[in-house]
Amino acid sequence: QVQLVESGGGLVQPGGSLRLSCAASGRAFSAYAMGWYRQAPGKQRDLVAAISSGGTTKYADSVKGRFTISRDNAKNTVYLQMNSLKSEDTAIYYCNAHRLISDYWGQGTQVTDSS
């Protein structure tokens, strides 16, 4: 069992930056692929960025060059650095841990355009 707790969301002006964190409890964090997803009102939940247990990353086209996912296995934490934020980045951001047939989700953290 893995529990995920996101933090770092908030109000941000277009062009600003935020760093989201996802702290995981449980065993074998380093063995999990970790991802950040987001869901805007009325839309489906989509993958934003993911990082494998080996450190390979992938990004949605809409965030490439602006967002960076990273992980610190010693701290059981995955991060999402978001730069050059746009109004269309407004959404609830969810952390995901995936391994074999198991998927775990956090409760989400809200990122909102303050303009």
N, C-alpha and C. Protein backbone atom coordinates (compact mmCIF):
# COMPACT_ATOMS: atom_id res chain seq x y z
N GLN A 1 0.84 -1.19 0.00
CA GLN A 1 0.00 0.00 0.00
C GLN A 1 0.88 1.24 0.00
N VAL A 2 0.50 2.21 -0.83
CA VAL A 2 1.23 3.47 -0.92
C VAL A 2 0.24 4.60 -0.70
N GLN A 3 0.59 5.54 0.13
CA GLN A 3 -0.20 6.75 0.32
C GLN A 3 0.56 7.93 -0.24
N LEU A 4 -0.14 8.77 -0.97
CA LEU A 4 0.47 9.91 -1.65
C LEU A 4 -0.17 11.20 -1.17
N VAL A 5 0.65 12.18 -0.85
CA VAL A 5 0.14 13.48 -0.40
C VAL A 5 0.81 14.57 -1.23
N GLU A 6 -0.02 15.28 -2.00
CA GLU A 6 0.49 16.38 -2.83
C GLU A 6 0.48 17.69 -2.05
N SER A 7 1.37 18.58 -2.44
CA SER A 7 1.40 19.93 -1.88
C SER A 7 2.03 20.86 -2.90
N GLY A 8 1.88 22.16 -2.65
CA GLY A 8 2.53 23.15 -3.49
C GLY A 8 1.65 23.88 -4.47
N GLY A 9 0.39 23.49 -4.55
CA GLY A 9 -0.50 24.19 -5.44
C GLY A 9 -0.84 25.57 -4.92
N GLY A 10 -1.55 26.35 -5.75
CA GLY A 10 -1.96 27.67 -5.32
C GLY A 10 -2.34 28.56 -6.48
N LEU A 11 -2.43 29.86 -6.18
CA LEU A 11 -2.72 30.86 -7.19
C LEU A 11 -1.42 31.34 -7.81
N VAL A 12 -1.42 31.50 -9.10
CA VAL A 12 -0.21 31.96 -9.77
C VAL A 12 -0.59 32.77 -11.00
N GLN A 13 0.14 33.82 -11.25
CA GLN A 13 -0.10 34.63 -12.44
C GLN A 13 0.50 33.97 -13.67
N PRO A 14 -0.06 34.21 -14.83
CA PRO A 14 0.54 33.70 -16.06
C PRO A 14 2.00 34.12 -16.17
N GLY A 15 2.83 33.16 -16.53
CA GLY A 15 4.26 33.40 -16.59
C GLY A 15 4.99 33.05 -15.32
N GLY A 16 4.25 32.76 -14.26
CA GLY A 16 4.86 32.43 -12.99
C GLY A 16 5.25 30.97 -12.89
N SER A 17 5.74 30.62 -11.70
CA SER A 17 6.23 29.27 -11.46
C SER A 17 5.67 28.72 -10.16
N LEU A 18 5.55 27.41 -10.12
CA LEU A 18 5.19 26.68 -8.92
C LEU A 18 5.95 25.37 -8.93
N ARG A 19 6.20 24.84 -7.74
CA ARG A 19 6.74 23.50 -7.63
C ARG A 19 5.81 22.65 -6.79
N LEU A 20 5.30 21.61 -7.40
CA LEU A 20 4.46 20.66 -6.69
C LEU A 20 5.33 19.54 -6.12
N SER A 21 4.92 19.06 -4.97
CA SER A 21 5.60 17.93 -4.33
C SER A 21 4.58 16.83 -4.05
N CYS A 22 5.05 15.61 -4.09
CA CYS A 22 4.22 14.46 -3.76
C CYS A 22 5.04 13.55 -2.86
N ALA A 23 4.63 13.48 -1.61
CA ALA A 23 5.33 12.65 -0.64
C ALA A 23 4.64 11.30 -0.53
N ALA A 24 5.42 10.25 -0.63
CA ALA A 24 4.87 8.90 -0.61
C ALA A 24 5.25 8.18 0.68
N SER A 25 4.29 7.45 1.22
CA SER A 25 4.58 6.58 2.35
C SER A 25 4.42 5.15 1.89
N GLY A 26 5.04 4.26 2.56
CA GLY A 26 5.00 2.87 2.14
C GLY A 26 6.37 2.41 1.70
N ARG A 27 6.42 1.17 1.27
CA ARG A 27 7.71 0.58 0.95
C ARG A 27 8.00 0.64 -0.54
N ALA A 28 9.27 0.54 -0.86
CA ALA A 28 9.73 0.36 -2.24
C ALA A 28 9.34 1.52 -3.16
N PHE A 29 9.39 2.73 -2.65
CA PHE A 29 9.06 3.89 -3.49
C PHE A 29 9.88 3.89 -4.76
N SER A 30 11.15 3.57 -4.67
CA SER A 30 12.03 3.64 -5.84
C SER A 30 11.62 2.68 -6.95
N ALA A 31 10.84 1.69 -6.63
CA ALA A 31 10.41 0.71 -7.63
C ALA A 31 9.20 1.17 -8.43
N TYR A 32 8.57 2.24 -8.00
CA TYR A 32 7.36 2.72 -8.65
C TYR A 32 7.68 3.73 -9.75
N ALA A 33 6.95 3.63 -10.83
CA ALA A 33 6.89 4.73 -11.78
C ALA A 33 5.94 5.77 -11.19
N MET A 34 6.34 7.04 -11.30
CA MET A 34 5.55 8.12 -10.71
C MET A 34 5.09 9.06 -11.80
N GLY A 35 3.89 9.59 -11.61
CA GLY A 35 3.37 10.50 -12.62
C GLY A 35 2.57 11.63 -12.01
N TRP A 36 2.47 12.70 -12.76
CA TRP A 36 1.58 13.81 -12.44
C TRP A 36 0.52 13.87 -13.52
N TYR A 37 -0.72 13.94 -13.09
CA TYR A 37 -1.86 14.09 -13.98
C TYR A 37 -2.59 15.37 -13.58
N ARG A 38 -3.43 15.85 -14.48
CA ARG A 38 -4.25 17.01 -14.13
C ARG A 38 -5.63 16.87 -14.74
N GLN A 39 -6.56 17.50 -14.05
CA GLN A 39 -7.95 17.48 -14.51
C GLN A 39 -8.54 18.87 -14.36
N ALA A 40 -8.91 19.45 -15.48
CA ALA A 40 -9.57 20.74 -15.50
C ALA A 40 -11.08 20.52 -15.41
N PRO A 41 -11.83 21.54 -14.99
CA PRO A 41 -13.28 21.37 -14.86
C PRO A 41 -13.91 20.91 -16.18
N GLY A 42 -14.71 19.87 -16.09
CA GLY A 42 -15.41 19.37 -17.27
C GLY A 42 -14.57 18.57 -18.23
N LYS A 43 -13.33 18.29 -17.85
CA LYS A 43 -12.44 17.56 -18.77
C LYS A 43 -11.94 16.28 -18.09
N GLN A 44 -11.37 15.40 -18.88
CA GLN A 44 -10.85 14.16 -18.34
C GLN A 44 -9.49 14.40 -17.69
N ARG A 45 -9.08 13.43 -16.90
CA ARG A 45 -7.78 13.50 -16.27
C ARG A 45 -6.72 13.05 -17.27
N ASP A 46 -5.72 13.88 -17.47
CA ASP A 46 -4.68 13.61 -18.47
C ASP A 46 -3.30 13.57 -17.84
N LEU A 47 -2.43 12.79 -18.45
CA LEU A 47 -1.04 12.72 -18.01
C LEU A 47 -0.33 14.03 -18.34
N VAL A 48 0.40 14.55 -17.36
CA VAL A 48 1.22 15.74 -17.56
C VAL A 48 2.68 15.33 -17.73
N ALA A 49 3.18 14.52 -16.81
CA ALA A 49 4.57 14.10 -16.84
C ALA A 49 4.71 12.81 -16.04
N ALA A 50 5.70 12.02 -16.41
CA ALA A 50 5.95 10.76 -15.71
C ALA A 50 7.44 10.51 -15.63
N ILE A 51 7.83 9.75 -14.61
CA ILE A 51 9.23 9.38 -14.45
C ILE A 51 9.28 7.92 -14.01
N SER A 52 10.08 7.14 -14.71
CA SER A 52 10.16 5.72 -14.41
C SER A 52 11.03 5.48 -13.17
N SER A 53 11.04 4.25 -12.73
CA SER A 53 11.90 3.90 -11.60
C SER A 53 13.37 4.13 -11.94
N GLY A 54 13.70 4.06 -13.20
CA GLY A 54 15.09 4.29 -13.63
C GLY A 54 15.41 5.72 -13.97
N GLY A 55 14.39 6.60 -13.89
CA GLY A 55 14.64 8.02 -14.11
C GLY A 55 14.30 8.53 -15.51
N THR A 56 13.77 7.68 -16.36
CA THR A 56 13.34 8.12 -17.69
C THR A 56 12.08 8.96 -17.55
N THR A 57 12.06 10.08 -18.26
CA THR A 57 10.92 10.99 -18.15
C THR A 57 10.18 11.11 -19.48
N LYS A 58 8.91 11.47 -19.37
CA LYS A 58 8.12 11.80 -20.55
C LYS A 58 7.14 12.89 -20.16
N TYR A 59 6.73 13.68 -21.18
CA TYR A 59 5.88 14.83 -20.93
C TYR A 59 4.79 14.93 -21.97
N ALA A 60 3.69 15.51 -21.56
CA ALA A 60 2.66 15.89 -22.51
C ALA A 60 3.22 17.00 -23.40
N ASP A 61 2.82 17.02 -24.65
CA ASP A 61 3.33 18.03 -25.58
C ASP A 61 3.07 19.44 -25.07
N SER A 62 1.96 19.63 -24.40
CA SER A 62 1.56 20.97 -23.96
C SER A 62 2.46 21.55 -22.87
N VAL A 63 3.27 20.70 -22.22
CA VAL A 63 4.11 21.20 -21.13
C VAL A 63 5.60 21.03 -21.40
N LYS A 64 5.93 20.42 -22.51
CA LYS A 64 7.36 20.21 -22.82
C LYS A 64 8.10 21.55 -22.86
N GLY A 65 9.26 21.57 -22.21
CA GLY A 65 10.06 22.78 -22.17
C GLY A 65 9.67 23.74 -21.05
N ARG A 66 8.52 23.48 -20.41
CA ARG A 66 8.08 24.35 -19.31
C ARG A 66 8.05 23.62 -17.96
N PHE A 67 7.71 22.34 -17.98
CA PHE A 67 7.59 21.56 -16.75
C PHE A 67 8.72 20.55 -16.67
N THR A 68 9.15 20.25 -15.45
CA THR A 68 10.18 19.25 -15.21
C THR A 68 9.77 18.35 -14.06
N ILE A 69 9.76 17.06 -14.31
CA ILE A 69 9.47 16.09 -13.25
C ILE A 69 10.79 15.52 -12.74
N SER A 70 10.86 15.31 -11.44
CA SER A 70 12.06 14.72 -10.85
C SER A 70 11.64 13.92 -9.62
N ARG A 71 12.55 13.09 -9.16
CA ARG A 71 12.24 12.29 -7.97
C ARG A 71 13.46 12.23 -7.07
N ASP A 72 13.19 12.14 -5.78
CA ASP A 72 14.24 11.96 -4.78
C ASP A 72 13.87 10.70 -4.00
N ASN A 73 14.48 9.60 -4.34
CA ASN A 73 14.12 8.33 -3.71
C ASN A 73 14.49 8.30 -2.23
N ALA A 74 15.48 9.05 -1.84
CA ALA A 74 15.86 9.10 -0.42
C ALA A 74 14.78 9.77 0.41
N LYS A 75 14.02 10.65 -0.23
CA LYS A 75 12.96 11.36 0.48
C LYS A 75 11.57 10.84 0.13
N ASN A 76 11.52 9.81 -0.70
CA ASN A 76 10.22 9.26 -1.13
C ASN A 76 9.32 10.36 -1.70
N THR A 77 9.89 11.21 -2.52
CA THR A 77 9.16 12.37 -3.02
C THR A 77 9.39 12.54 -4.52
N VAL A 78 8.33 12.93 -5.20
CA VAL A 78 8.42 13.31 -6.61
C VAL A 78 7.97 14.76 -6.74
N TYR A 79 8.60 15.47 -7.65
CA TYR A 79 8.36 16.90 -7.82
C TYR A 79 7.90 17.20 -9.24
N LEU A 80 7.19 18.31 -9.37
CA LEU A 80 6.86 18.84 -10.67
C LEU A 80 7.14 20.33 -10.64
N GLN A 81 8.23 20.72 -11.29
CA GLN A 81 8.56 22.14 -11.41
C GLN A 81 7.83 22.70 -12.63
N MET A 82 7.01 23.70 -12.39
CA MET A 82 6.20 24.27 -13.45
C MET A 82 6.61 25.71 -13.66
N ASN A 83 7.12 26.02 -14.84
CA ASN A 83 7.54 27.37 -15.20
C ASN A 83 6.68 27.89 -16.35
N SER A 84 6.73 29.19 -16.54
CA SER A 84 5.99 29.84 -17.63
C SER A 84 4.54 29.37 -17.66
N LEU A 85 3.91 29.42 -16.51
CA LEU A 85 2.54 28.90 -16.41
C LEU A 85 1.58 29.70 -17.27
N LYS A 86 0.60 29.00 -17.80
CA LYS A 86 -0.42 29.59 -18.65
C LYS A 86 -1.78 29.38 -17.99
N SER A 87 -2.74 30.15 -18.43
CA SER A 87 -4.08 30.02 -17.86
C SER A 87 -4.63 28.61 -18.09
N GLU A 88 -4.26 28.01 -19.20
CA GLU A 88 -4.75 26.66 -19.50
C GLU A 88 -4.12 25.58 -18.64
N ASP A 89 -3.15 25.94 -17.81
CA ASP A 89 -2.58 24.98 -16.86
C ASP A 89 -3.43 24.86 -15.60
N THR A 90 -4.43 25.73 -15.47
CA THR A 90 -5.33 25.66 -14.31
C THR A 90 -6.03 24.32 -14.26
N ALA A 91 -5.88 23.62 -13.13
CA ALA A 91 -6.45 22.29 -12.98
C ALA A 91 -6.15 21.78 -11.57
N ILE A 92 -6.75 20.65 -11.25
CA ILE A 92 -6.32 19.91 -10.07
C ILE A 92 -5.23 18.95 -10.53
N TYR A 93 -4.12 18.95 -9.83
CA TYR A 93 -2.98 18.11 -10.19
C TYR A 93 -2.92 16.93 -9.22
N TYR A 94 -2.85 15.73 -9.79
CA TYR A 94 -2.83 14.50 -9.01
C TYR A 94 -1.51 13.76 -9.20
N CYS A 95 -1.03 13.21 -8.12
CA CYS A 95 0.15 12.36 -8.16
C CYS A 95 -0.28 10.90 -8.28
N ASN A 96 0.47 10.14 -9.04
CA ASN A 96 0.16 8.72 -9.26
C ASN A 96 1.41 7.88 -9.06
N ALA A 97 1.24 6.73 -8.43
CA ALA A 97 2.30 5.74 -8.31
C ALA A 97 1.83 4.46 -8.97
N HIS A 98 2.67 3.91 -9.84
CA HIS A 98 2.28 2.74 -10.61
C HIS A 98 3.39 1.70 -10.58
N ARG A 99 2.96 0.45 -10.31
CA ARG A 99 3.88 -0.67 -10.38
C ARG A 99 3.09 -1.94 -10.64
N LEU A 100 3.47 -2.63 -11.68
CA LEU A 100 2.78 -3.88 -12.08
C LEU A 100 1.28 -3.57 -12.23
N ILE A 101 0.43 -4.19 -11.43
CA ILE A 101 -1.00 -3.97 -11.58
C ILE A 101 -1.54 -2.98 -10.56
N SER A 102 -0.67 -2.35 -9.81
CA SER A 102 -1.10 -1.45 -8.74
C SER A 102 -1.00 0.01 -9.18
N ASP A 103 -2.03 0.76 -8.83
CA ASP A 103 -2.07 2.20 -9.07
C ASP A 103 -2.55 2.89 -7.81
N TYR A 104 -1.86 3.92 -7.41
CA TYR A 104 -2.26 4.70 -6.25
C TYR A 104 -2.33 6.18 -6.64
N TRP A 105 -3.29 6.88 -6.00
CA TRP A 105 -3.51 8.30 -6.31
C TRP A 105 -3.51 9.13 -5.05
N GLY A 106 -3.02 10.36 -5.18
CA GLY A 106 -3.16 11.32 -4.12
C GLY A 106 -4.50 12.02 -4.21
N GLN A 107 -4.72 12.95 -3.29
CA GLN A 107 -6.01 13.64 -3.22
C GLN A 107 -6.07 14.84 -4.16
N GLY A 108 -4.94 15.25 -4.68
CA GLY A 108 -4.90 16.35 -5.62
C GLY A 108 -4.56 17.68 -4.98
N THR A 109 -3.98 18.57 -5.78
CA THR A 109 -3.68 19.93 -5.34
C THR A 109 -4.07 20.88 -6.46
N GLN A 110 -4.72 21.96 -6.09
CA GLN A 110 -5.28 22.89 -7.08
C GLN A 110 -4.24 23.92 -7.52
N VAL A 111 -4.15 24.09 -8.82
CA VAL A 111 -3.34 25.17 -9.41
C VAL A 111 -4.29 26.07 -10.19
N THR A 112 -4.27 27.37 -9.87
CA THR A 112 -5.24 28.28 -10.44
C THR A 112 -4.56 29.54 -10.96
N ASP A 113 -4.98 29.95 -12.15
CA ASP A 113 -4.55 31.22 -12.72
C ASP A 113 -5.16 32.35 -11.91
N SER A 114 -4.36 33.24 -11.39
CA SER A 114 -4.86 34.30 -10.52
C SER A 114 -5.25 35.57 -11.26
N SER A 115 -5.09 35.59 -12.58
CA SER A 115 -5.38 36.82 -13.33
C SER A 115 -6.86 37.04 -13.47
